[in-house]
Protein backbone atom coordinates (compact mmCIF):
# COMPACT_ATOMS: atom_id res chain seq x y z
CA UNK A 1 82.67 63.53 104.16
CA UNK A 2 84.65 63.82 100.94
CA UNK A 3 86.24 60.95 99.08
CA UNK A 4 89.40 61.28 96.96
CA UNK A 5 90.66 59.10 94.16
CA UNK A 6 94.34 58.00 94.09
CA UNK A 7 94.93 60.14 90.99
CA UNK A 8 93.67 63.19 92.87
CA UNK A 9 96.24 62.70 95.63
CA UNK A 10 98.96 62.64 92.97
CA UNK A 11 97.81 65.77 91.17
CA UNK A 12 96.84 68.03 94.09
CA UNK A 13 100.43 68.68 95.29
CA UNK A 14 101.45 69.37 91.69
CA UNK A 15 98.65 71.92 91.26
CA UNK A 16 99.66 73.62 94.50
CA UNK A 17 103.29 73.82 93.33
CA UNK A 18 102.15 75.22 89.97
CA UNK A 19 100.02 77.84 91.76
CA UNK A 20 102.99 78.86 93.97
CA UNK A 21 105.35 78.97 90.98
CA UNK A 22 102.94 81.22 89.08
CA UNK A 23 102.71 83.48 92.12
CA UNK A 24 106.52 83.79 92.19
CA UNK A 25 106.59 84.51 88.44
CA UNK A 26 103.94 87.23 88.82
CA UNK A 27 105.61 88.78 91.87
CA UNK A 28 107.56 91.45 89.87
CA UNK A 29 104.29 92.54 88.27
CA UNK A 30 102.62 92.68 91.69
CA UNK A 31 105.41 94.87 93.04
CA UNK A 32 105.29 97.11 89.97
CA UNK A 33 101.56 97.52 90.58
CA UNK A 34 102.27 98.57 94.17
CA UNK A 35 104.75 101.17 92.87
CA UNK A 36 102.29 102.40 90.24
CA UNK A 37 99.45 102.70 92.75
CA UNK A 38 101.82 104.53 95.10
CA UNK A 39 102.01 107.48 92.68
CA UNK A 40 98.34 108.12 93.42
CA UNK A 41 98.20 106.74 96.97
CA UNK A 42 101.69 106.96 98.58
CA UNK A 43 100.68 104.57 101.38
CA UNK A 44 101.25 101.73 98.90
CA UNK A 45 104.98 102.53 99.03
CA UNK A 46 105.23 101.76 102.74
CA UNK A 47 105.30 98.66 104.96
CA UNK A 48 106.41 96.27 102.20
CA UNK A 49 108.08 94.05 104.76
CA UNK A 50 104.71 93.08 106.18
CA UNK A 51 103.63 91.84 102.76
CA UNK A 52 106.43 89.25 103.01
CA UNK A 53 105.82 88.31 106.63
CA UNK A 54 108.38 90.66 108.17
CA UNK A 55 106.56 92.26 111.07
CA UNK A 56 107.53 92.63 114.73
CA UNK A 57 106.29 90.02 117.15
CA UNK A 58 103.33 91.02 119.25
CA UNK A 59 104.38 92.28 122.68
CA UNK A 60 101.06 91.43 124.35
CA UNK A 61 101.48 87.96 125.94
CA UNK A 62 97.81 87.03 125.53
CA UNK A 63 96.90 84.49 122.83
CA UNK A 64 95.70 85.87 119.52
CA UNK A 65 92.35 85.87 117.75
CA UNK A 66 93.17 86.83 114.17
CA UNK A 67 90.63 88.40 111.81
CA UNK A 68 91.44 89.11 108.15
CA UNK A 69 89.38 91.80 106.39
CA UNK A 70 90.79 92.56 102.97
CA UNK A 71 89.63 96.19 102.59
CA UNK A 72 87.17 98.85 103.75
CA UNK A 73 83.94 96.91 103.16
CA UNK A 74 85.16 93.84 105.02
CA UNK A 75 86.51 95.95 107.88
CA UNK A 76 83.11 97.58 108.29
CA UNK A 77 81.36 94.18 108.17
CA UNK A 78 83.72 92.79 110.81
CA UNK A 79 83.29 95.66 113.30
CA UNK A 80 80.41 94.15 115.32
CA UNK A 81 82.23 90.81 115.43
CA UNK A 82 85.49 92.35 116.63
CA UNK A 83 83.67 94.39 119.26
CA UNK A 84 81.87 91.24 120.48
CA UNK A 85 85.15 89.30 120.63
CA UNK A 86 86.73 92.09 122.68
CA UNK A 87 83.77 92.05 125.04
CA UNK A 88 83.38 88.28 125.43
CA UNK A 89 87.04 87.18 125.33
CA UNK A 90 89.18 89.76 127.18
CA UNK A 91 91.74 87.01 127.85
CA UNK A 92 92.63 87.17 124.12
CA UNK A 93 94.15 89.96 122.05
CA UNK A 94 92.76 90.81 118.61
CA UNK A 95 94.90 90.97 115.47
CA UNK A 96 93.34 92.42 112.30
CA UNK A 97 95.00 92.11 108.90
CA UNK A 98 94.05 93.87 105.67
CA UNK A 99 95.45 94.05 102.15
CA UNK A 100 94.89 97.73 101.30
CA UNK A 101 95.95 101.03 102.88
CA UNK A 102 92.33 102.20 102.95
CA UNK A 103 91.40 99.08 104.91
CA UNK A 104 94.33 99.71 107.24
CA UNK A 105 93.21 103.31 107.78
CA UNK A 106 89.70 102.15 108.62
CA UNK A 107 91.00 99.66 111.22
CA UNK A 108 93.08 102.38 112.86
CA UNK A 109 90.13 104.77 112.73
CA UNK A 110 87.80 102.38 114.55
CA UNK A 111 90.21 100.49 116.83
CA UNK A 112 93.29 102.62 117.55
CA UNK A 113 95.03 101.17 120.61
CA UNK A 114 92.49 98.34 120.90
CA UNK A 115 93.73 95.87 118.26
CA UNK A 116 96.98 95.12 116.46
CA UNK A 117 97.09 95.60 112.71
CA UNK A 118 99.36 94.40 109.89
CA UNK A 119 99.05 93.74 106.19
CA UNK A 120 98.44 90.09 105.39
CA UNK A 121 101.52 88.73 103.59
CA UNK A 122 101.33 87.52 100.01
CA UNK A 123 100.33 83.88 99.62
CA UNK A 124 103.91 82.67 99.31
CA UNK A 125 104.96 79.72 101.52
CA UNK A 126 107.89 81.44 103.22
CA UNK A 127 105.90 84.65 103.89
CA UNK A 128 102.89 82.78 105.26
CA UNK A 129 105.04 80.58 107.51
CA UNK A 130 106.89 83.61 108.90
CA UNK A 131 103.59 85.41 109.58
CA UNK A 132 102.07 82.46 111.42
CA UNK A 133 105.25 81.84 113.40
CA UNK A 134 105.40 85.44 114.59
CA UNK A 135 101.68 85.95 115.27
CA UNK A 136 100.87 82.43 116.58
CA UNK A 137 97.07 82.82 116.25
CA UNK A 138 94.85 80.54 118.31
CA UNK A 139 92.17 80.86 115.63
CA UNK A 140 91.78 82.65 112.30
CA UNK A 141 88.64 84.27 110.87
CA UNK A 142 88.77 85.23 107.20
CA UNK A 143 86.06 87.61 106.00
CA UNK A 144 84.31 87.01 102.68
CA UNK A 145 85.68 84.48 100.17
CA UNK A 146 89.40 85.12 100.52
CA UNK A 147 90.66 81.66 99.60
CA UNK A 148 94.49 81.64 99.71
CA UNK A 149 95.78 78.07 99.22
CA UNK A 150 99.17 78.39 100.96
CA UNK A 151 97.71 80.30 103.90
CA UNK A 152 94.93 77.75 104.39
CA UNK A 153 97.31 74.80 104.02
CA UNK A 154 99.79 76.18 106.54
CA UNK A 155 97.05 76.89 109.08
CA UNK A 156 95.83 73.32 108.62
CA UNK A 157 99.35 71.94 109.14
CA UNK A 158 99.74 73.96 112.36
CA UNK A 159 96.30 72.92 113.65
CA UNK A 160 95.08 76.53 113.62
CA UNK A 161 91.27 76.51 113.29
CA UNK A 162 90.30 78.64 110.30
CA UNK A 163 86.79 79.95 109.78
CA UNK A 164 85.67 81.50 106.50
CA UNK A 165 83.08 84.08 107.57
CA UNK A 166 80.44 85.96 105.60
CA UNK A 167 81.35 83.80 102.62
CA UNK A 168 79.60 84.29 99.31
CA UNK A 169 79.93 82.40 96.07
CA UNK A 170 78.46 83.92 92.93
CA UNK A 171 77.37 81.71 90.08
CA UNK A 172 80.22 83.07 87.95
CA UNK A 173 82.83 82.36 90.66
CA UNK A 174 81.46 78.87 91.18
CA UNK A 175 81.86 78.12 87.47
CA UNK A 176 85.46 79.32 87.65
CA UNK A 177 86.28 77.09 90.63
CA UNK A 178 84.72 74.11 88.83
CA UNK A 179 87.56 74.29 86.26
CA UNK A 180 89.99 73.42 89.08
CA UNK A 181 87.51 71.41 91.11
CA UNK A 182 90.03 68.97 92.61
CA UNK A 183 92.35 71.75 93.75
CA UNK A 184 89.55 73.95 95.12
CA UNK A 185 87.94 70.95 96.86
CA UNK A 186 91.17 70.16 98.67
CA UNK A 187 91.64 73.75 99.82
CA UNK A 188 88.02 74.23 100.92
CA UNK A 189 88.15 70.91 102.79
CA UNK A 190 90.99 72.25 104.99
CA UNK A 191 88.76 75.04 106.37
CA UNK A 192 87.43 74.26 109.84
CA UNK A 193 84.09 75.99 109.32
CA UNK A 194 82.43 78.09 106.63
CA UNK A 195 79.72 80.61 107.51
CA UNK A 196 77.89 81.71 104.36
CA UNK A 197 75.64 84.68 103.77
CA UNK A 198 72.81 82.68 102.18
CA UNK A 199 71.60 79.14 101.61
CA UNK A 200 72.43 79.61 97.91
CA UNK A 201 76.06 80.34 98.79
CA UNK A 202 76.09 77.27 101.03
CA UNK A 203 74.79 75.00 98.27
CA UNK A 204 77.34 76.29 95.76
CA UNK A 205 80.21 75.66 98.17
CA UNK A 206 78.92 72.17 98.92
CA UNK A 207 78.85 71.53 95.16
CA UNK A 208 82.53 72.55 95.10
CA UNK A 209 83.37 69.98 97.77
CA UNK A 210 82.74 71.59 101.16
CA UNK A 211 81.59 69.08 103.78
CA UNK A 212 77.91 69.88 104.53
CA UNK A 213 78.36 69.52 108.29
CA UNK A 214 81.10 72.17 108.27
CA UNK A 215 79.16 74.85 106.40
CA UNK A 216 76.38 76.99 107.87
CA UNK A 217 74.18 79.69 106.33
CA UNK A 218 74.10 82.31 109.10
CA UNK A 219 73.13 85.50 107.25
CA UNK A 220 75.09 88.54 106.14
CA UNK A 221 77.34 90.29 108.66
CA UNK A 222 76.98 93.50 106.68
CA UNK A 223 73.47 93.85 108.08
CA UNK A 224 75.04 94.32 111.53
CA UNK A 225 75.34 98.06 111.05
CA UNK A 226 76.54 100.04 114.06
CA UNK A 227 76.15 103.77 113.45
CA UNK A 228 77.62 106.21 115.99
CA UNK A 229 75.11 107.86 118.29
CA UNK A 230 76.47 111.30 117.40
CA UNK A 231 75.88 110.87 113.65
CA UNK A 232 72.42 112.49 113.64
CA UNK A 233 73.74 115.62 115.33
CA UNK A 234 76.70 115.77 112.92
CA UNK A 235 74.36 115.45 109.92
CA UNK A 236 72.11 118.23 111.21
CA UNK A 237 75.11 120.50 111.72
CA UNK A 238 76.46 119.95 108.22
CA UNK A 239 73.02 120.45 106.67
CA UNK A 240 72.90 123.90 108.27
CA UNK A 241 76.19 124.74 106.56
CA UNK A 242 74.65 123.84 103.20
CA UNK A 243 71.46 125.82 104.03
CA UNK A 244 68.37 123.89 104.98
CA UNK A 245 66.35 124.68 101.83
CA UNK A 246 68.68 122.85 99.43
CA UNK A 247 67.97 119.34 98.22
CA UNK A 248 71.00 117.07 98.30
CA UNK A 249 71.79 113.74 96.68
CA UNK A 250 74.96 111.70 97.05
CA UNK A 251 76.71 109.52 94.46
CA UNK A 252 78.94 107.29 96.56
CA UNK A 253 81.80 104.85 95.92
CA UNK A 254 82.03 105.75 92.24
CA UNK A 255 84.55 104.28 89.81
CA UNK A 256 86.29 105.22 86.57
CA UNK A 257 83.67 105.56 83.84
CA UNK A 258 80.82 106.35 86.22
CA UNK A 259 81.51 109.98 87.04
CA UNK A 260 81.00 111.06 83.43
CA UNK A 261 77.54 109.45 83.46
CA UNK A 262 76.73 111.01 86.84
CA UNK A 263 77.79 114.45 85.61
CA UNK A 264 75.65 113.97 82.50
CA UNK A 265 72.70 113.12 84.75
CA UNK A 266 73.50 116.11 86.97
CA UNK A 267 73.10 118.50 84.01
CA UNK A 268 69.50 117.33 83.55
CA UNK A 269 68.79 117.32 87.30
CA UNK A 270 70.24 120.81 87.76
CA UNK A 271 68.14 122.16 84.89
CA UNK A 272 64.99 120.91 86.64
CA UNK A 273 66.01 121.62 90.27
CA UNK A 274 68.43 124.59 90.09
CA UNK A 275 69.40 124.65 93.78
CA UNK A 276 70.27 120.92 93.97
CA UNK A 277 73.62 119.88 95.49
CA UNK A 278 75.49 116.72 94.50
CA UNK A 279 77.98 115.12 96.88
CA UNK A 280 80.28 113.02 94.70
CA UNK A 281 82.43 110.50 96.59
CA UNK A 282 84.96 108.46 94.54
CA UNK A 283 85.72 104.99 95.86
CA UNK A 284 89.52 105.30 95.74
CA UNK A 285 91.48 108.23 97.23
CA UNK A 286 93.97 108.24 94.35
CA UNK A 287 91.14 109.40 92.05
CA UNK A 288 90.08 112.43 94.11
CA UNK A 289 92.06 114.92 92.01
CA UNK A 290 90.87 113.48 88.70
CA UNK A 291 87.21 113.53 89.71
CA UNK A 292 87.46 117.11 91.00
CA UNK A 293 88.96 118.17 87.65
CA UNK A 294 86.22 116.31 85.73
CA UNK A 295 83.56 118.26 87.63
CA UNK A 296 85.21 121.57 86.88
CA UNK A 297 85.71 120.70 83.22
CA UNK A 298 82.00 119.89 83.00
CA UNK A 299 81.28 123.47 84.07
CA UNK A 300 80.02 122.84 87.61
CA UNK A 301 80.97 125.09 90.50
CA UNK A 302 82.85 122.50 92.56
CA UNK A 303 84.61 122.46 95.92
CA UNK A 304 86.45 119.77 97.86
CA UNK A 305 85.42 118.66 101.32
CA UNK A 306 89.06 118.53 102.48
CA UNK A 307 89.48 122.29 101.97
CA UNK A 308 86.66 123.02 104.45
CA UNK A 309 85.49 125.74 102.07
CA UNK A 310 81.99 127.14 102.62
CA UNK A 311 79.41 125.24 100.57
CA UNK A 312 77.42 128.28 99.45
CA UNK A 313 74.29 128.24 97.31
CA UNK A 314 76.46 128.78 94.25
CA UNK A 315 78.26 125.46 94.76
CA UNK A 316 76.74 122.65 92.68
CA UNK A 317 79.06 119.74 93.50
CA UNK A 318 80.96 118.87 96.67
CA UNK A 319 83.64 116.23 96.09
CA UNK A 320 83.94 114.03 99.18
CA UNK A 321 87.71 113.63 99.24
CA UNK A 322 88.04 112.69 102.93
CA UNK A 323 88.16 109.28 104.58
CA UNK A 324 85.54 107.93 106.98
CA UNK A 325 82.86 110.55 106.28
CA UNK A 326 80.62 108.59 103.92
CA UNK A 327 77.99 107.87 106.66
CA UNK A 328 77.91 111.62 107.31
CA UNK A 329 77.29 112.34 103.62
CA UNK A 330 74.55 109.71 103.47
CA UNK A 331 72.85 111.12 106.55
CA UNK A 332 73.00 114.69 105.28
CA UNK A 333 71.48 113.81 101.90
CA UNK A 334 67.92 113.22 100.74
CA UNK A 335 68.76 110.12 98.68
CA UNK A 336 71.76 108.02 97.67
CA UNK A 337 73.08 106.48 94.47
CA UNK A 338 75.50 103.65 95.28
CA UNK A 339 78.27 103.37 92.70
CA UNK A 340 80.28 100.60 91.12
CA UNK A 341 77.01 99.70 89.43
CA UNK A 342 76.73 101.82 86.28
CA UNK A 343 79.79 99.96 85.03
CA UNK A 344 80.37 96.17 85.30
CA UNK A 345 82.25 96.39 88.61
CA UNK A 346 79.61 94.61 90.67
CA UNK A 347 78.25 97.38 92.84
CA UNK A 348 78.73 98.30 96.49
CA UNK A 349 76.79 97.92 99.69
CA UNK A 350 73.27 99.40 99.80
CA UNK A 351 72.91 98.86 103.52
CA UNK A 352 74.60 101.92 104.99
CA UNK A 353 72.38 104.56 103.32
CA UNK A 354 69.32 102.36 103.91
CA UNK A 355 70.15 102.10 107.63
CA UNK A 356 69.96 105.90 107.72
CA UNK A 357 66.50 105.80 106.14
CA UNK A 358 67.56 107.05 102.73
CA UNK A 359 65.96 106.05 99.44
CA UNK A 360 68.59 104.08 97.49
CA UNK A 361 69.40 103.94 93.78
CA UNK A 362 71.73 101.44 92.12
CA UNK A 363 72.85 100.75 88.58
CA UNK A 364 72.28 97.45 86.74
CA UNK A 365 75.66 95.89 87.65
CA UNK A 366 75.16 94.82 91.26
CA UNK A 367 76.23 91.19 90.92
CA UNK A 368 78.52 91.38 93.97
CA UNK A 369 75.42 92.07 96.08
CA UNK A 370 72.79 90.12 94.18
CA UNK A 371 71.00 88.79 97.25
CA UNK A 372 70.91 92.11 99.10
CA UNK A 373 69.83 94.03 96.00
CA UNK A 374 67.10 91.51 95.25
CA UNK A 375 65.68 91.83 98.76
CA UNK A 376 65.73 95.61 98.53
CA UNK A 377 63.93 95.59 95.20
CA UNK A 378 61.31 93.19 96.57
CA UNK A 379 60.79 95.48 99.57
CA UNK A 380 60.51 98.57 97.31
CA UNK A 381 63.45 100.04 99.20
CA UNK A 382 65.71 100.56 96.15
CA UNK A 383 65.38 101.48 92.48
CA UNK A 384 67.56 100.19 89.65
CA UNK A 385 68.61 102.58 86.87
CA UNK A 386 70.41 101.72 83.65
CA UNK A 387 72.11 104.86 82.33
CA UNK A 388 72.58 108.59 82.85
CA UNK A 389 69.08 109.48 81.61
CA UNK A 390 67.28 107.01 83.87
CA UNK A 391 69.48 108.08 86.79
CA UNK A 392 68.51 111.72 86.20
CA UNK A 393 64.81 110.92 85.88
CA UNK A 394 64.84 108.83 89.06
CA UNK A 395 66.70 111.43 91.13
CA UNK A 396 64.31 114.15 89.96
CA UNK A 397 61.25 112.02 90.75
CA UNK A 398 62.52 111.17 94.24
CA UNK A 399 63.59 114.70 95.07
CA UNK A 400 60.14 115.94 94.07
CA UNK A 401 58.30 113.25 96.06
CA UNK A 402 59.16 113.36 99.77
CA UNK A 403 56.51 110.76 100.61
CA UNK A 404 58.05 108.21 98.22
CA UNK A 405 61.52 108.86 99.65
CA UNK A 406 60.21 108.34 103.17
CA UNK A 407 58.39 105.12 102.24
CA UNK A 408 61.50 103.68 100.59
CA UNK A 409 63.72 104.70 103.48
CA UNK A 410 61.45 103.10 106.07
CA UNK A 411 61.18 99.89 104.00
CA UNK A 412 64.96 99.67 103.91
CA UNK A 413 65.29 100.17 107.65
CA UNK A 414 62.70 97.49 108.39
CA UNK A 415 64.40 94.99 106.07
CA UNK A 416 67.76 95.57 107.80
CA UNK A 417 66.22 95.17 111.26
CA UNK A 418 64.66 91.79 110.44
CA UNK A 419 67.86 90.53 108.76
CA UNK A 420 70.24 91.07 111.67
CA UNK A 421 71.68 88.40 113.97
CA UNK A 422 74.53 86.96 111.89
CA UNK A 423 77.18 88.13 114.37
CA UNK A 424 75.67 86.11 117.23
CA UNK A 425 75.44 83.00 115.05
CA UNK A 426 79.05 83.43 113.92
CA UNK A 427 80.23 83.90 117.51
CA UNK A 428 78.61 80.58 118.36
CA UNK A 429 80.64 78.85 115.61
CA UNK A 430 83.86 80.54 116.76
CA UNK A 431 83.28 79.54 120.37
CA UNK A 432 83.21 75.86 119.38
CA UNK A 433 86.85 76.06 118.23
CA UNK A 434 88.32 78.71 120.50
CA UNK A 435 90.44 77.28 123.33
CA UNK A 436 89.11 78.50 126.66
CA UNK A 437 91.86 79.73 128.96
């Protein structure tokens, strides 16, 4: 267990008050950012009351299991867990909170009518208290490393078990928390259980003050991929629309500063393989228009998926400007580049295209998925590129070598299969703290 010095007990409340005061001071800037983002994604202009804890009480009388998944990636990772909770604990209702409209849309897409959904309020004491009073969760499960001091403290005060699930702690984040080690130690100590992705994450959290007996390395929930049975048929149908002879690659979850490099690579690829088709899928919906215009300005014959226009042989780029179709694009392509990695954003998840047996390419900046990327490189299931030229050369090589693509795709599938099981281990931890009715 942890030991605290008398000085620490004096300073911890002060640090918490300072944190809350800074949050209040920054609140106008946070609201201005919501307004600004709303010009590109109008959903940010709606449901502000929820962000301050003003949401209707749940009408279902059953007790609540609450799961917080900040955005799209966390919602996808939590799907097998939520489905298992629905199956194993029908006497409870499920509440899912997110922070972003895209996360909200994904919850509604997967669970319409099956779970309740609200935005998680900002980490302000009055908003958190109002949320907990209205929702009255029997247990809370927070996906990834969403450490909100006031939320965690209020759950602790109300004796609400709180489990941090699929937690990861990068070396850089750990160094940052060390600067406020006393404060972070106190907050982490109030968590009932922590389920980390790897043993490395576990050791870093223990170094920050987590009690070893409360923290378990259970694996990565993102390996628990559940693809719809109809996906293969949908992919075959869309491939027919693009004509079967064309080779297709997808650049997915791209960010500002990446598309220009991808388009530069596409010029070289197109010169070598004239009938190639690129599916370009920006990460954020508010950037769909800008990316479409960039493609046209670069001289490529470009259409948007949302228009349902025919993707004829003359079309060079299809901009994926719809929500929820990324698995379809992966499955209909010959290989996948996963974005957020040509720029220092940290990368995105390699698992979804790999689960579909696709050869995977990533840029050098994959520090948000270091462990997964490392395993994929070791298994020869992914290739790292560094710039537009190396991206072009790698895409050309893979498109011209079907055997290499197949070998990489199968290696990725096998690695995913042997890495699954985190959901069952997490359910076991949850069961220990879930009141049985």
